[in-house]
Amino acid sequence: MKKTTDLWFVSYLELNGVKITSYKLLKPGKLEFIFALTDEEWSKHRLGFNNSDIQKYKQKIEALKDLAY
């Protein structure tokens, strides 16, 4: 079982056909998502995410949000 709180990565996984096994509320506004993936599958998806357009959008949006602080 693999876990993440990264909504961008969760979106990437879902867009690539990976189903959320379960999730839990950590605190208001923050969820932890659990996936039934092996270490090898997780690494493959993480590498794909790191090289994806979604990752580029995430970095740009976070940079723009940083301007507000």
C-alpha atoms as a PDB file:
ATOM      1  CA  MET A   1       0.000   0.000   0.000  1.00  0.00           C
ATOM      2  CA  LYS A   2       1.279   3.439  -0.944  1.00  0.00           C
ATOM      3  CA  LYS A   3       0.121   6.749   0.520  1.00  0.00           C
ATOM      4  CA  THR A   4       0.249  10.371  -0.593  1.00  0.00           C
ATOM      5  CA  THR A   5      -1.319  13.711   0.263  1.00  0.00           C
ATOM      6  CA  ASP A   6      -0.290  15.247  -3.087  1.00  0.00           C
ATOM      7  CA  LEU A   7      -3.555  16.037  -4.884  1.00  0.00           C
ATOM      8  CA  TRP A   8      -1.708  16.660  -8.150  1.00  0.00           C
ATOM      9  CA  PHE A   9      -0.165  13.183  -8.035  1.00  0.00           C
ATOM     10  CA  VAL A  10      -3.514  11.641  -7.097  1.00  0.00           C
ATOM     11  CA  SER A  11      -5.068  13.342 -10.127  1.00  0.00           C
ATOM     12  CA  TYR A  12      -2.267  12.010 -12.330  1.00  0.00           C
ATOM     13  CA  LEU A  13      -2.767   8.486 -10.989  1.00  0.00           C
ATOM     14  CA  GLU A  14      -6.513   8.609 -11.574  1.00  0.00           C
ATOM     15  CA  LEU A  15      -6.035   9.967 -15.107  1.00  0.00           C
ATOM     16  CA  ASN A  16      -3.793   6.955 -15.712  1.00  0.00           C
ATOM     17  CA  GLY A  17      -6.391   4.451 -14.524  1.00  0.00           C
ATOM     18  CA  VAL A  18      -5.167   3.898 -10.955  1.00  0.00           C
ATOM     19  CA  LYS A  19      -8.042   3.676  -8.494  1.00  0.00           C
ATOM     20  CA  ILE A  20      -7.927   5.096  -4.980  1.00  0.00           C
ATOM     21  CA  THR A  21      -8.107   2.189  -2.538  1.00  0.00           C
ATOM     22  CA  SER A  22      -9.136   4.393   0.376  1.00  0.00           C
ATOM     23  CA  TYR A  23      -8.549   7.791   1.897  1.00  0.00           C
ATOM     24  CA  LYS A  24      -8.691   9.436   5.290  1.00  0.00           C
ATOM     25  CA  LEU A  25      -9.119  12.956   6.541  1.00  0.00           C
ATOM     26  CA  LEU A  26      -5.946  14.104   8.301  1.00  0.00           C
ATOM     27  CA  LYS A  27      -7.331  17.534   9.160  1.00  0.00           C
ATOM     28  CA  PRO A  28      -9.820  19.887   7.538  1.00  0.00           C
ATOM     29  CA  GLY A  29      -8.634  20.482   3.991  1.00  0.00           C
ATOM     30  CA  LYS A  30      -6.026  17.674   3.975  1.00  0.00           C
ATOM     31  CA  LEU A  31      -6.592  14.103   2.840  1.00  0.00           C
ATOM     32  CA  GLU A  32      -4.292  11.102   2.681  1.00  0.00           C
ATOM     33  CA  PHE A  33      -4.941   8.804  -0.280  1.00  0.00           C
ATOM     34  CA  ILE A  34      -4.029   5.119  -0.237  1.00  0.00           C
ATOM     35  CA  PHE A  35      -3.308   3.057  -3.343  1.00  0.00           C
ATOM     36  CA  ALA A  36      -2.768  -0.684  -3.792  1.00  0.00           C
ATOM     37  CA  LEU A  37       0.458  -0.404  -5.774  1.00  0.00           C
ATOM     38  CA  THR A  38       3.795  -2.201  -5.553  1.00  0.00           C
ATOM     39  CA  ASP A  39       7.042  -0.292  -5.046  1.00  0.00           C
ATOM     40  CA  GLU A  40       7.834  -0.828  -8.730  1.00  0.00           C
ATOM     41  CA  GLU A  41       4.431   0.476  -9.891  1.00  0.00           C
ATOM     42  CA  TRP A  42       4.668   3.455  -7.545  1.00  0.00           C
ATOM     43  CA  SER A  43       8.129   4.362  -8.821  1.00  0.00           C
ATOM     44  CA  LYS A  44       6.990   4.025 -12.436  1.00  0.00           C
ATOM     45  CA  HIS A  45       4.034   6.350 -11.848  1.00  0.00           C
ATOM     46  CA  ARG A  46       6.117   8.813  -9.828  1.00  0.00           C
ATOM     47  CA  LEU A  47       8.647   9.035 -12.664  1.00  0.00           C
ATOM     48  CA  GLY A  48       5.840   9.498 -15.178  1.00  0.00           C
ATOM     49  CA  PHE A  49       4.324  12.232 -13.021  1.00  0.00           C
ATOM     50  CA  ASN A  50       7.661  14.016 -12.608  1.00  0.00           C
ATOM     51  CA  ASN A  51       8.005  14.150 -16.405  1.00  0.00           C
ATOM     52  CA  SER A  52       4.370  15.099 -17.089  1.00  0.00           C
ATOM     53  CA  ASP A  53       2.662  18.359 -17.995  1.00  0.00           C
ATOM     54  CA  ILE A  54       0.664  18.074 -14.765  1.00  0.00           C
ATOM     55  CA  GLN A  55       3.894  18.447 -12.773  1.00  0.00           C
ATOM     56  CA  LYS A  56       4.774  21.534 -14.809  1.00  0.00           C
ATOM     57  CA  TYR A  57       1.368  23.085 -14.047  1.00  0.00           C
ATOM     58  CA  LYS A  58       1.785  22.245 -10.362  1.00  0.00           C
ATOM     59  CA  GLN A  59       5.173  23.961 -10.199  1.00  0.00           C
ATOM     60  CA  LYS A  60       3.890  27.054 -12.031  1.00  0.00           C
ATOM     61  CA  ILE A  61       0.777  27.392  -9.865  1.00  0.00           C
ATOM     62  CA  GLU A  62       2.818  26.970  -6.682  1.00  0.00           C
ATOM     63  CA  ALA A  63       5.250  29.647  -7.865  1.00  0.00           C
ATOM     64  CA  LEU A  64       2.374  32.012  -8.587  1.00  0.00           C
ATOM     65  CA  LYS A  65       0.820  31.288  -5.180  1.00  0.00           C
ATOM     66  CA  ASP A  66       4.174  32.085  -3.535  1.00  0.00           C
ATOM     67  CA  LEU A  67       3.899  35.598  -4.940  1.00  0.00           C
ATOM     68  CA  ALA A  68       0.898  36.129  -2.656  1.00  0.00           C
ATOM     69  CA  TYR A  69       2.929  35.460   0.498  1.00  0.00           C
END
